[in-house]
Amino acid sequence: MMLGEKVSSPPQRTPATQVMVSGQGLLSVLEAMSLIESHARKILASHGLDPIDGAQWYPFRNALDAFKVITERIGPSTMKSIGRKLLEHVRFSSANLSLEEALASLDSVYRICHRGPGYIGKYVFESTGARSAQVTTDNEYMCELDEGLLEALSERFKPPGALWVRVVHKPGSCRKQGNTTCTYEVSW
């Protein structure tokens, strides 16, 4: 920051009670928890989210509350699996995107799956090198969900010739620790 530069405050977040989430995304919960689907349905139902219809919209606050229960009762690895399954329910502009294009379009995909007035969070892509990038998000989902989503996206759009794509939660800023953002480093 330069001397005299104005510090901008983060955008005012729309309360989760005014935001809706697509049923398509919620179907990933049932798929990720297919071995214990009855348990998943009970958790979703206790938050007003059952039955799930992919063509309908559901209260975001209810989904967040259900996701917190899933993370606490079943574990963060299940939330990561849900994030991985999310990618099966979203459409990108093309199936032939580069990994960088797919990462850069993640925010647009997020906006298609969520609706409501005002600010609902975002994904910010930044290229950090010839074979690396980072994605920063300030959405209200759990870190593990975003990690799973980014891992699945990286596998789906893996660059030709790359043996692997690695996604790492960058140390420091983390929503679990009360910060407003999490940053994920992607390298291949």
C-alpha atoms as a PDB file:
ATOM      1  CA  MET A   1       0.000   0.000   0.000  1.00  0.00           C
ATOM      2  CA  MET A   2       1.294   3.447  -0.849  1.00  0.00           C
ATOM      3  CA  LEU A   3       1.292   6.427   1.449  1.00  0.00           C
ATOM      4  CA  GLY A   4      -2.059   8.177   1.265  1.00  0.00           C
ATOM      5  CA  GLU A   5      -3.732   5.233  -0.472  1.00  0.00           C
ATOM      6  CA  LYS A   6      -7.287   4.707   0.680  1.00  0.00           C
ATOM      7  CA  VAL A   7      -7.977   1.356   2.351  1.00  0.00           C
ATOM      8  CA  SER A   8     -11.144  -0.125   0.937  1.00  0.00           C
ATOM      9  CA  SER A   9     -13.424  -2.091   3.192  1.00  0.00           C
ATOM     10  CA  PRO A  10     -14.831  -5.417   2.022  1.00  0.00           C
ATOM     11  CA  PRO A  11     -18.216  -5.266   0.296  1.00  0.00           C
ATOM     12  CA  GLN A  12     -21.275  -5.511   2.521  1.00  0.00           C
ATOM     13  CA  ARG A  13     -22.376  -9.142   2.415  1.00  0.00           C
ATOM     14  CA  THR A  14     -26.002  -9.960   1.722  1.00  0.00           C
ATOM     15  CA  PRO A  15     -27.434 -11.918   4.659  1.00  0.00           C
ATOM     16  CA  ALA A  16     -27.532 -15.625   3.807  1.00  0.00           C
ATOM     17  CA  THR A  17     -31.249 -15.548   4.581  1.00  0.00           C
ATOM     18  CA  GLN A  18     -31.815 -13.539   1.369  1.00  0.00           C
ATOM     19  CA  VAL A  19     -29.734 -15.804  -0.889  1.00  0.00           C
ATOM     20  CA  MET A  20     -30.953 -18.924  -2.676  1.00  0.00           C
ATOM     21  CA  VAL A  21     -28.901 -21.907  -3.859  1.00  0.00           C
ATOM     22  CA  SER A  22     -29.707 -24.124  -6.823  1.00  0.00           C
ATOM     23  CA  GLY A  23     -31.056 -27.589  -6.143  1.00  0.00           C
ATOM     24  CA  GLN A  24     -28.512 -28.898  -8.654  1.00  0.00           C
ATOM     25  CA  GLY A  25     -25.727 -28.092  -6.203  1.00  0.00           C
ATOM     26  CA  LEU A  26     -27.582 -29.678  -3.299  1.00  0.00           C
ATOM     27  CA  LEU A  27     -27.885 -32.944  -5.216  1.00  0.00           C
ATOM     28  CA  SER A  28     -24.119 -33.298  -4.748  1.00  0.00           C
ATOM     29  CA  VAL A  29     -24.741 -33.837  -1.016  1.00  0.00           C
ATOM     30  CA  LEU A  30     -26.780 -36.952  -1.708  1.00  0.00           C
ATOM     31  CA  GLU A  31     -24.258 -38.268  -4.229  1.00  0.00           C
ATOM     32  CA  ALA A  32     -21.245 -37.682  -1.989  1.00  0.00           C
ATOM     33  CA  MET A  33     -23.053 -39.351   0.907  1.00  0.00           C
ATOM     34  CA  SER A  34     -24.610 -42.178  -1.127  1.00  0.00           C
ATOM     35  CA  LEU A  35     -23.445 -44.862   1.324  1.00  0.00           C
ATOM     36  CA  ILE A  36     -25.296 -43.097   4.115  1.00  0.00           C
ATOM     37  CA  GLU A  37     -27.971 -41.397   2.038  1.00  0.00           C
ATOM     38  CA  SER A  38     -30.684 -41.863   4.669  1.00  0.00           C
ATOM     39  CA  HIS A  39     -28.502 -39.987   7.167  1.00  0.00           C
ATOM     40  CA  ALA A  40     -27.870 -37.233   4.598  1.00  0.00           C
ATOM     41  CA  ARG A  41     -31.596 -36.925   3.912  1.00  0.00           C
ATOM     42  CA  LYS A  42     -32.325 -36.632   7.656  1.00  0.00           C
ATOM     43  CA  ILE A  43     -29.817 -33.801   8.027  1.00  0.00           C
ATOM     44  CA  LEU A  44     -31.122 -32.012   4.932  1.00  0.00           C
ATOM     45  CA  ALA A  45     -34.749 -32.519   6.026  1.00  0.00           C
ATOM     46  CA  SER A  46     -34.016 -31.110   9.485  1.00  0.00           C
ATOM     47  CA  HIS A  47     -32.997 -27.911   7.664  1.00  0.00           C
ATOM     48  CA  GLY A  48     -35.987 -27.840   5.294  1.00  0.00           C
ATOM     49  CA  LEU A  49     -34.020 -29.254   2.350  1.00  0.00           C
ATOM     50  CA  ASP A  50     -35.689 -32.548   1.509  1.00  0.00           C
ATOM     51  CA  PRO A  51     -36.773 -33.581  -1.021  1.00  0.00           C
ATOM     52  CA  ILE A  52     -34.225 -31.936  -3.319  1.00  0.00           C
ATOM     53  CA  ASP A  53     -35.315 -31.050  -6.848  1.00  0.00           C
ATOM     54  CA  GLY A  54     -32.510 -29.980  -9.186  1.00  0.00           C
ATOM     55  CA  ALA A  55     -34.810 -27.460 -10.871  1.00  0.00           C
ATOM     56  CA  GLN A  56     -35.739 -25.647  -7.639  1.00  0.00           C
ATOM     57  CA  TRP A  57     -34.051 -23.023  -5.475  1.00  0.00           C
ATOM     58  CA  TYR A  58     -33.486 -23.395  -1.712  1.00  0.00           C
ATOM     59  CA  PRO A  59     -32.523 -21.022   1.110  1.00  0.00           C
ATOM     60  CA  PHE A  60     -28.753 -20.640   1.278  1.00  0.00           C
ATOM     61  CA  ARG A  61     -28.849 -20.242   5.085  1.00  0.00           C
ATOM     62  CA  ASN A  62     -30.503 -23.670   5.395  1.00  0.00           C
ATOM     63  CA  ALA A  63     -27.835 -25.234   3.178  1.00  0.00           C
ATOM     64  CA  LEU A  64     -25.017 -23.635   5.190  1.00  0.00           C
ATOM     65  CA  ASP A  65     -26.533 -24.859   8.444  1.00  0.00           C
ATOM     66  CA  ALA A  66     -26.910 -28.392   7.052  1.00  0.00           C
ATOM     67  CA  PHE A  67     -23.312 -28.323   5.772  1.00  0.00           C
ATOM     68  CA  LYS A  68     -22.065 -27.317   9.228  1.00  0.00           C
ATOM     69  CA  VAL A  69     -23.895 -30.274  10.774  1.00  0.00           C
ATOM     70  CA  ILE A  70     -22.456 -32.635   8.141  1.00  0.00           C
ATOM     71  CA  THR A  71     -18.943 -31.328   8.808  1.00  0.00           C
ATOM     72  CA  GLU A  72     -19.321 -31.630  12.592  1.00  0.00           C
ATOM     73  CA  ARG A  73     -21.085 -35.008  12.733  1.00  0.00           C
ATOM     74  CA  ILE A  74     -19.610 -36.863   9.770  1.00  0.00           C
ATOM     75  CA  GLY A  75     -16.368 -35.018   9.131  1.00  0.00           C
ATOM     76  CA  PRO A  76     -14.532 -32.568   6.902  1.00  0.00           C
ATOM     77  CA  SER A  77     -13.591 -35.281   4.386  1.00  0.00           C
ATOM     78  CA  THR A  78     -17.297 -35.695   3.589  1.00  0.00           C
ATOM     79  CA  MET A  79     -17.553 -31.965   2.946  1.00  0.00           C
ATOM     80  CA  LYS A  80     -14.564 -32.264   0.613  1.00  0.00           C
ATOM     81  CA  SER A  81     -16.363 -35.105  -1.217  1.00  0.00           C
ATOM     82  CA  ILE A  82     -19.423 -32.886  -1.572  1.00  0.00           C
ATOM     83  CA  GLY A  83     -17.215 -30.191  -3.110  1.00  0.00           C
ATOM     84  CA  ARG A  84     -15.815 -32.745  -5.566  1.00  0.00           C
ATOM     85  CA  LYS A  85     -19.339 -33.842  -6.546  1.00  0.00           C
ATOM     86  CA  LEU A  86     -20.460 -30.230  -7.093  1.00  0.00           C
ATOM     87  CA  LEU A  87     -18.501 -30.072 -10.309  1.00  0.00           C
ATOM     88  CA  GLU A  88     -20.734 -32.781 -11.790  1.00  0.00           C
ATOM     89  CA  HIS A  89     -23.734 -30.456 -11.433  1.00  0.00           C
ATOM     90  CA  VAL A  90     -22.369 -27.249 -12.943  1.00  0.00           C
ATOM     91  CA  ARG A  91     -21.799 -26.298 -16.551  1.00  0.00           C
ATOM     92  CA  PHE A  92     -18.881 -24.371 -17.908  1.00  0.00           C
ATOM     93  CA  SER A  93     -19.029 -22.379 -21.134  1.00  0.00           C
ATOM     94  CA  SER A  94     -16.990 -25.078 -22.887  1.00  0.00           C
ATOM     95  CA  ALA A  95     -15.643 -28.526 -22.150  1.00  0.00           C
ATOM     96  CA  ASN A  96     -12.372 -27.511 -23.804  1.00  0.00           C
ATOM     97  CA  LEU A  97     -11.239 -24.809 -21.389  1.00  0.00           C
ATOM     98  CA  SER A  98      -7.678 -24.594 -20.179  1.00  0.00           C
ATOM     99  CA  LEU A  99      -7.219 -25.003 -16.433  1.00  0.00           C
ATOM    100  CA  GLU A 100      -6.570 -21.273 -16.109  1.00  0.00           C
ATOM    101  CA  GLU A 101      -9.759 -20.449 -18.057  1.00  0.00           C
ATOM    102  CA  ALA A 102     -11.770 -22.850 -15.887  1.00  0.00           C
ATOM    103  CA  LEU A 103     -10.363 -21.346 -12.674  1.00  0.00           C
ATOM    104  CA  ALA A 104     -11.041 -17.838 -13.987  1.00  0.00           C
ATOM    105  CA  SER A 105     -14.650 -18.734 -14.816  1.00  0.00           C
ATOM    106  CA  LEU A 106     -15.349 -20.279 -11.390  1.00  0.00           C
ATOM    107  CA  ASP A 107     -16.856 -17.029 -10.107  1.00  0.00           C
ATOM    108  CA  SER A 108     -19.340 -16.922 -13.010  1.00  0.00           C
ATOM    109  CA  VAL A 109     -20.353 -20.530 -12.334  1.00  0.00           C
ATOM    110  CA  TYR A 110     -20.800 -19.688  -8.630  1.00  0.00           C
ATOM    111  CA  ARG A 111     -23.164 -16.835  -9.570  1.00  0.00           C
ATOM    112  CA  ILE A 112     -25.241 -19.121 -11.786  1.00  0.00           C
ATOM    113  CA  CYS A 113     -25.763 -21.500  -8.828  1.00  0.00           C
ATOM    114  CA  HIS A 114     -26.632 -18.762  -6.306  1.00  0.00           C
ATOM    115  CA  ARG A 115     -29.033 -15.879  -6.522  1.00  0.00           C
ATOM    116  CA  GLY A 116     -30.134 -13.067  -4.321  1.00  0.00           C
ATOM    117  CA  PRO A 117     -29.743  -9.343  -3.865  1.00  0.00           C
ATOM    118  CA  GLY A 118     -26.403  -7.720  -3.164  1.00  0.00           C
ATOM    119  CA  TYR A 119     -23.042  -9.314  -2.474  1.00  0.00           C
ATOM    120  CA  ILE A 120     -22.881 -13.122  -2.102  1.00  0.00           C
ATOM    121  CA  GLY A 121     -19.123 -13.656  -2.105  1.00  0.00           C
ATOM    122  CA  LYS A 122     -16.811 -14.383  -4.999  1.00  0.00           C
ATOM    123  CA  TYR A 123     -13.896 -16.394  -6.374  1.00  0.00           C
ATOM    124  CA  VAL A 124     -10.893 -14.398  -7.586  1.00  0.00           C
ATOM    125  CA  PHE A 125      -8.400 -16.065  -9.932  1.00  0.00           C
ATOM    126  CA  GLU A 126      -4.809 -14.888 -10.249  1.00  0.00           C
ATOM    127  CA  SER A 127      -2.118 -16.409 -12.450  1.00  0.00           C
ATOM    128  CA  THR A 128       1.075 -16.626 -10.381  1.00  0.00           C
ATOM    129  CA  GLY A 129       3.419 -18.261 -12.905  1.00  0.00           C
ATOM    130  CA  ALA A 130       3.647 -20.367 -16.053  1.00  0.00           C
ATOM    131  CA  ARG A 131       2.372 -23.417 -14.158  1.00  0.00           C
ATOM    132  CA  SER A 132       0.692 -21.946 -11.100  1.00  0.00           C
ATOM    133  CA  ALA A 133      -2.254 -19.854  -9.996  1.00  0.00           C
ATOM    134  CA  GLN A 134      -4.198 -18.995  -6.911  1.00  0.00           C
ATOM    135  CA  VAL A 135      -7.882 -18.696  -6.181  1.00  0.00           C
ATOM    136  CA  THR A 136      -9.147 -16.586  -3.302  1.00  0.00           C
ATOM    137  CA  THR A 137     -12.716 -16.814  -2.068  1.00  0.00           C
ATOM    138  CA  ASP A 138     -14.790 -15.082   0.542  1.00  0.00           C
ATOM    139  CA  ASN A 139     -17.936 -17.178   0.156  1.00  0.00           C
ATOM    140  CA  GLU A 140     -19.534 -18.666   3.272  1.00  0.00           C
ATOM    141  CA  TYR A 141     -18.885 -22.321   2.463  1.00  0.00           C
ATOM    142  CA  MET A 142     -16.432 -24.506   4.363  1.00  0.00           C
ATOM    143  CA  CYS A 143     -12.786 -24.633   3.301  1.00  0.00           C
ATOM    144  CA  GLU A 144     -13.075 -28.359   2.611  1.00  0.00           C
ATOM    145  CA  LEU A 145     -15.935 -27.843   0.152  1.00  0.00           C
ATOM    146  CA  ASP A 146     -13.844 -25.345  -1.819  1.00  0.00           C
ATOM    147  CA  GLU A 147     -10.801 -27.648  -1.700  1.00  0.00           C
ATOM    148  CA  GLY A 148     -12.825 -30.541  -3.118  1.00  0.00           C
ATOM    149  CA  LEU A 149     -14.344 -28.316  -5.798  1.00  0.00           C
ATOM    150  CA  LEU A 150     -10.932 -26.998  -6.859  1.00  0.00           C
ATOM    151  CA  GLU A 151      -9.411 -30.494  -6.878  1.00  0.00           C
ATOM    152  CA  ALA A 152     -12.182 -31.863  -9.105  1.00  0.00           C
ATOM    153  CA  LEU A 153     -11.995 -28.819 -11.394  1.00  0.00           C
ATOM    154  CA  SER A 154      -8.204 -29.232 -11.649  1.00  0.00           C
ATOM    155  CA  GLU A 155      -8.559 -32.903 -12.566  1.00  0.00           C
ATOM    156  CA  ARG A 156     -11.273 -32.199 -15.138  1.00  0.00           C
ATOM    157  CA  PHE A 157      -9.322 -29.414 -16.854  1.00  0.00           C
ATOM    158  CA  LYS A 158      -5.799 -30.771 -16.235  1.00  0.00           C
ATOM    159  CA  PRO A 159      -3.367 -29.227 -18.721  1.00  0.00           C
ATOM    160  CA  PRO A 160      -2.105 -31.537 -21.491  1.00  0.00           C
ATOM    161  CA  GLY A 161       1.217 -33.035 -20.482  1.00  0.00           C
ATOM    162  CA  ALA A 162       0.751 -32.313 -16.780  1.00  0.00           C
ATOM    163  CA  LEU A 163       1.196 -35.412 -14.633  1.00  0.00           C
ATOM    164  CA  TRP A 164      -0.757 -33.904 -11.743  1.00  0.00           C
ATOM    165  CA  VAL A 165      -2.387 -30.767 -10.446  1.00  0.00           C
ATOM    166  CA  ARG A 166      -1.894 -29.862  -6.815  1.00  0.00           C
ATOM    167  CA  VAL A 167      -4.331 -27.756  -4.771  1.00  0.00           C
ATOM    168  CA  VAL A 168      -3.116 -26.465  -1.402  1.00  0.00           C
ATOM    169  CA  HIS A 169      -4.893 -24.232   1.104  1.00  0.00           C
ATOM    170  CA  LYS A 170      -2.451 -21.368   1.521  1.00  0.00           C
ATOM    171  CA  PRO A 171      -1.365 -20.842   5.140  1.00  0.00           C
ATOM    172  CA  GLY A 172      -2.452 -17.658   6.842  1.00  0.00           C
ATOM    173  CA  SER A 173      -5.843 -16.277   6.028  1.00  0.00           C
ATOM    174  CA  CYS A 174      -8.612 -18.808   6.648  1.00  0.00           C
ATOM    175  CA  ARG A 175     -12.357 -18.480   7.143  1.00  0.00           C
ATOM    176  CA  LYS A 176     -12.218 -21.162   9.869  1.00  0.00           C
ATOM    177  CA  GLN A 177      -9.981 -18.841  11.866  1.00  0.00           C
ATOM    178  CA  GLY A 178     -12.354 -15.919  11.532  1.00  0.00           C
ATOM    179  CA  ASN A 179     -10.753 -14.294   8.488  1.00  0.00           C
ATOM    180  CA  THR A 180     -12.870 -13.206   5.534  1.00  0.00           C
ATOM    181  CA  THR A 181     -11.015 -15.176   2.828  1.00  0.00           C
ATOM    182  CA  CYS A 182      -9.233 -18.406   2.028  1.00  0.00           C
ATOM    183  CA  THR A 183      -6.637 -18.678  -0.715  1.00  0.00           C
ATOM    184  CA  TYR A 184      -5.818 -21.880  -2.567  1.00  0.00           C
ATOM    185  CA  GLU A 185      -2.602 -22.380  -4.520  1.00  0.00           C
ATOM    186  CA  VAL A 186      -2.913 -24.452  -7.687  1.00  0.00           C
ATOM    187  CA  SER A 187       0.194 -25.796  -9.418  1.00  0.00           C
ATOM    188  CA  TRP A 188       0.837 -28.267 -12.229  1.00  0.00           C
END
